[in-house]
Amino acid sequence: MLIEVTDFNGAAEQALSEHASEWQDLEEILTAMPLHVKASDQAGKQGRPIFDPVGTNQTVKAGLVARGWRPNVPIPAEYSFLGGPWRSVPREGQRPPVAAVPP
C-alpha cells in the first residue's frame, strides 16, 4: 500500500527522532500491506468495493505483534478521552506512545 504522511505541529521531528524504531515498524507494515476492501451493503452502493477498516486493523495489529509489540493495552484513565484500548504498543523496554504513558 502507498502511504502519505502529513506533519502536524512538528510531530514528524519527534516521531523520526524519539520514536524512530516505532515509526519504522509502522511504515514497513503499512507499505507491505495489501489494500483491504469489502463489498458495500449501503443502499445504492451494494456490492461496490469499499475500504475495510477491520481487515486493515487486523493486519496492522498482527504485524506489530509479530515484531514484539504488546496487544490490547488499556489506556490509563487520565487518557480515556482518546478511546481505547491501544491496539498495540512498542516492544518491552521501549517507550510506548506518549498518549499511553501516565504523567
C-alpha atoms as a PDB file:
ATOM      1  CA  MET A   1       0.000   0.000   0.000  1.00  0.00           C
ATOM      2  CA  LEU A   2       1.202   3.515  -0.699  1.00  0.00           C
ATOM      3  CA  ILE A   3       1.105   5.803   2.323  1.00  0.00           C
ATOM      4  CA  GLU A   4       1.363   9.566   2.671  1.00  0.00           C
ATOM      5  CA  VAL A   5       2.321  11.236   5.921  1.00  0.00           C
ATOM      6  CA  THR A   6       1.406  14.786   6.889  1.00  0.00           C
ATOM      7  CA  ASP A   7       3.243  16.540   9.694  1.00  0.00           C
ATOM      8  CA  PHE A   8       1.096  18.314  12.304  1.00  0.00           C
ATOM      9  CA  ASN A   9       2.709  20.675  14.804  1.00  0.00           C
ATOM     10  CA  GLY A  10       6.217  19.278  14.302  1.00  0.00           C
ATOM     11  CA  ALA A  11       5.227  15.710  15.136  1.00  0.00           C
ATOM     12  CA  ALA A  12       7.425  14.312  12.356  1.00  0.00           C
ATOM     13  CA  GLU A  13      10.555  15.584  14.070  1.00  0.00           C
ATOM     14  CA  GLN A  14       9.617  13.811  17.301  1.00  0.00           C
ATOM     15  CA  ALA A  15       8.468  10.669  15.507  1.00  0.00           C
ATOM     16  CA  LEU A  16      11.667  10.412  13.493  1.00  0.00           C
ATOM     17  CA  SER A  17      13.972  11.120  16.429  1.00  0.00           C
ATOM     18  CA  GLU A  18      12.473   9.865  19.705  1.00  0.00           C
ATOM     19  CA  HIS A  19      10.309   7.144  18.138  1.00  0.00           C
ATOM     20  CA  ALA A  20      12.286   6.208  15.031  1.00  0.00           C
ATOM     21  CA  SER A  21      12.125   2.431  15.553  1.00  0.00           C
ATOM     22  CA  GLU A  22       8.370   2.506  16.215  1.00  0.00           C
ATOM     23  CA  TRP A  23       7.808   4.623  13.109  1.00  0.00           C
ATOM     24  CA  GLN A  24       9.940   2.213  11.065  1.00  0.00           C
ATOM     25  CA  ASP A  25       7.807  -0.721  12.261  1.00  0.00           C
ATOM     26  CA  LEU A  26       4.609   1.102  11.275  1.00  0.00           C
ATOM     27  CA  GLU A  27       5.956   2.260   7.918  1.00  0.00           C
ATOM     28  CA  GLU A  28       7.182  -1.225   6.972  1.00  0.00           C
ATOM     29  CA  ILE A  29       3.886  -2.863   7.936  1.00  0.00           C
ATOM     30  CA  LEU A  30       1.759  -0.283   6.123  1.00  0.00           C
ATOM     31  CA  THR A  31       3.789  -0.289   2.908  1.00  0.00           C
ATOM     32  CA  ALA A  32       3.846  -4.116   2.759  1.00  0.00           C
ATOM     33  CA  MET A  33       0.117  -4.426   3.473  1.00  0.00           C
ATOM     34  CA  PRO A  34      -2.398  -5.058   0.707  1.00  0.00           C
ATOM     35  CA  LEU A  35      -5.385  -2.729   0.430  1.00  0.00           C
ATOM     36  CA  HIS A  36      -8.282  -4.261   2.358  1.00  0.00           C
ATOM     37  CA  VAL A  37     -11.686  -3.794   0.722  1.00  0.00           C
ATOM     38  CA  LYS A  38     -15.099  -5.361   1.217  1.00  0.00           C
ATOM     39  CA  ALA A  39     -18.413  -5.268  -0.622  1.00  0.00           C
ATOM     40  CA  SER A  40     -20.658  -2.400   0.412  1.00  0.00           C
ATOM     41  CA  ASP A  41     -24.130  -3.130   1.729  1.00  0.00           C
ATOM     42  CA  GLN A  42     -25.181   0.540   1.611  1.00  0.00           C
ATOM     43  CA  ALA A  43     -28.290   1.269  -0.449  1.00  0.00           C
ATOM     44  CA  GLY A  44     -27.315   2.371  -3.947  1.00  0.00           C
ATOM     45  CA  LYS A  45     -23.744   1.108  -3.499  1.00  0.00           C
ATOM     46  CA  GLN A  46     -24.401  -2.553  -2.786  1.00  0.00           C
ATOM     47  CA  GLY A  47     -21.619  -4.829  -3.909  1.00  0.00           C
ATOM     48  CA  ARG A  48     -19.201  -1.988  -4.717  1.00  0.00           C
ATOM     49  CA  PRO A  49     -15.772  -2.245  -3.098  1.00  0.00           C
ATOM     50  CA  ILE A  50     -15.217  -0.026  -0.058  1.00  0.00           C
ATOM     51  CA  PHE A  51     -12.352   0.326   2.423  1.00  0.00           C
ATOM     52  CA  ASP A  52     -12.318  -2.394   5.103  1.00  0.00           C
ATOM     53  CA  PRO A  53     -11.065  -0.902   8.390  1.00  0.00           C
ATOM     54  CA  VAL A  54     -11.495  -4.195  10.271  1.00  0.00           C
ATOM     55  CA  GLY A  55      -9.239  -6.115   7.880  1.00  0.00           C
ATOM     56  CA  THR A  56      -6.760  -3.251   7.884  1.00  0.00           C
ATOM     57  CA  ASN A  57      -6.630  -3.100  11.688  1.00  0.00           C
ATOM     58  CA  GLN A  58      -6.217  -6.887  11.946  1.00  0.00           C
ATOM     59  CA  THR A  59      -3.269  -6.797   9.545  1.00  0.00           C
ATOM     60  CA  VAL A  60      -1.594  -3.880  11.331  1.00  0.00           C
ATOM     61  CA  LYS A  61      -2.103  -5.492  14.745  1.00  0.00           C
ATOM     62  CA  ALA A  62      -0.744  -8.866  13.564  1.00  0.00           C
ATOM     63  CA  GLY A  63       2.296  -7.144  12.053  1.00  0.00           C
ATOM     64  CA  LEU A  64       3.029  -5.202  15.236  1.00  0.00           C
ATOM     65  CA  VAL A  65       2.561  -8.232  17.496  1.00  0.00           C
ATOM     66  CA  ALA A  66       4.905 -10.232  15.235  1.00  0.00           C
ATOM     67  CA  ARG A  67       7.512  -7.515  15.879  1.00  0.00           C
ATOM     68  CA  GLY A  68       7.143  -7.842  19.640  1.00  0.00           C
ATOM     69  CA  TRP A  69       4.568  -5.134  20.367  1.00  0.00           C
ATOM     70  CA  ARG A  70       2.124  -5.941  23.193  1.00  0.00           C
ATOM     71  CA  PRO A  71      -1.537  -6.047  22.039  1.00  0.00           C
ATOM     72  CA  ASN A  72      -4.682  -4.588  23.642  1.00  0.00           C
ATOM     73  CA  VAL A  73      -3.023  -2.371  26.242  1.00  0.00           C
ATOM     74  CA  PRO A  74      -5.636  -0.397  28.217  1.00  0.00           C
ATOM     75  CA  ILE A  75      -5.406   3.377  28.147  1.00  0.00           C
ATOM     76  CA  PRO A  76      -4.884   4.897  31.626  1.00  0.00           C
ATOM     77  CA  ALA A  77      -7.955   6.710  32.997  1.00  0.00           C
ATOM     78  CA  GLU A  78      -6.417  10.172  32.543  1.00  0.00           C
ATOM     79  CA  TYR A  79      -6.204   9.496  28.774  1.00  0.00           C
ATOM     80  CA  SER A  80      -9.617   7.857  28.395  1.00  0.00           C
ATOM     81  CA  PHE A  81     -10.729  10.737  26.170  1.00  0.00           C
ATOM     82  CA  LEU A  82      -8.544   9.165  23.449  1.00  0.00           C
ATOM     83  CA  GLY A  83     -10.562   5.934  23.370  1.00  0.00           C
ATOM     84  CA  GLY A  84      -9.035   2.537  23.762  1.00  0.00           C
ATOM     85  CA  PRO A  85      -7.556   0.113  24.198  1.00  0.00           C
ATOM     86  CA  TRP A  86      -4.495   0.803  22.108  1.00  0.00           C
ATOM     87  CA  ARG A  87      -4.231  -1.966  19.593  1.00  0.00           C
ATOM     88  CA  SER A  88      -0.502  -2.474  20.192  1.00  0.00           C
ATOM     89  CA  VAL A  89       2.345  -0.751  21.975  1.00  0.00           C
ATOM     90  CA  PRO A  90       6.114  -0.972  21.418  1.00  0.00           C
ATOM     91  CA  ARG A  91       8.267  -3.900  22.450  1.00  0.00           C
ATOM     92  CA  GLU A  92       9.198  -4.456  26.094  1.00  0.00           C
ATOM     93  CA  GLY A  93      11.874  -1.972  27.129  1.00  0.00           C
ATOM     94  CA  GLN A  94      10.806   0.644  24.569  1.00  0.00           C
ATOM     95  CA  ARG A  95       8.694   3.664  25.353  1.00  0.00           C
ATOM     96  CA  PRO A  96       5.006   3.347  24.480  1.00  0.00           C
ATOM     97  CA  PRO A  97       3.235   6.120  22.575  1.00  0.00           C
ATOM     98  CA  VAL A  98       3.076   9.325  24.601  1.00  0.00           C
ATOM     99  CA  ALA A  99      -0.723   9.134  24.861  1.00  0.00           C
ATOM    100  CA  ALA A 100      -0.480   5.782  26.635  1.00  0.00           C
ATOM    101  CA  VAL A 101       2.007   6.914  29.285  1.00  0.00           C
ATOM    102  CA  PRO A 102       0.708   8.250  32.615  1.00  0.00           C
ATOM    103  CA  PRO A 103       2.190  11.631  33.636  1.00  0.00           C
END
